[in-house]
Structures are given as C-alpha cells and as structure tokens.
C-alpha cells in the first residue's frame, strides 16, 4: 500500500504540474492576445474536451505504451483543457480592469503586466483547482492500471493491486479492499 501511495502521489503531482504549466501558457496566450489565436487555442481545447477522459487517457497510453511516465503524461494531457479554460476566463475578465489599462497606459511591458498584475489575481483559483484535481489524477491512474494500461509490475499501484486481488476476492478479500479503500480515501 505504501509503494502504491508513492506512485499515486507521483502521478498526481506531476500530472497536475504538466496540466498547470501548459494550461497557464495556453490560457494566458489565448486570453491576453485574443483574436485568431484565442479562437485557435479554444477550438483545440474543445477537441480535447470532446473525448471522454478515460478514452483520451487510453488513447495516449496506447500510443506511448504503458508505464508510470506515460500514464502521468496521459493524465496531464487530459487535465490541460480545464486548466487552460480557467486561466483564459480569468485573464479575459482581468485584462479589462482599470489597473491593467493604467499599467498599459504607463508603458508597462506585457511581461510585467502578466507577472505582476494578472498572475497574482488568478493564482489562488489555480491552486485550489490543482489540489482538487489531484484526486481525479489518482482515480484515472488507478483506472488505467486496473485495465492494464497504466503502471506495470513490479511497480506498485493501487489500481494494479485491485486488479490482481480480484481473482482472490472470496479467499482473501483484503487484497482488493485495502487498495480500494486507499483509492477512496485519497
């Protein structure tokens, strides 16, 4: 169970990091620049959102192969559109505020406006969403591992433990229920 916890936390934090970095980049570019680039990024994210999350993760893992790194990448790619939309919406609402207009009028460079004025205003929202998303990342990793597309033996994973223990459910139910409870608690 302890080693499964390590994998779950690793996949959760790294996939959130991947989604956060790319979501920040695409959301800021889309929301601040606007125009054709905004439409292009928004349509691209809508294409990702059109796929059910597990189907998208299965497609990415099937293309790259099973393993911890590829599972983490698949979960991060799955979360990227949501982070992008949150950042884009925040930037769109904040870029028209008076203090942003005043900073532009005073000749502040775009980088300074983004780092000093916009980022601190929507960062708390991203932090809260990131912590909430970690639970989803753990569930997706467990589901992929349960299906045999995620973490592979000998690396421990809660989903893999549940899949392995289902053959012994009548003889030793603790093999499946303890990792299942760990997934539920996480």
Foldseek 3Di string as FASTA:
>chain_A
DVLQVVLLVVLLVLLLVLLQVLLLVLQCCLQVVPDPSVVVSLVVLVVLVVDDLLVQLLVQLVVVDAASVSSSPSSSVSNNSVSNVLSNVQSNVQCPDPVNVVCVVVPPDPVCCCVPPRCVVCVVVSVVVSVVCSLVSLVSQLVCVLVVSYHDPPRDHLNVQLNVCVVCCPPDVCSNVVSVVVNVVD
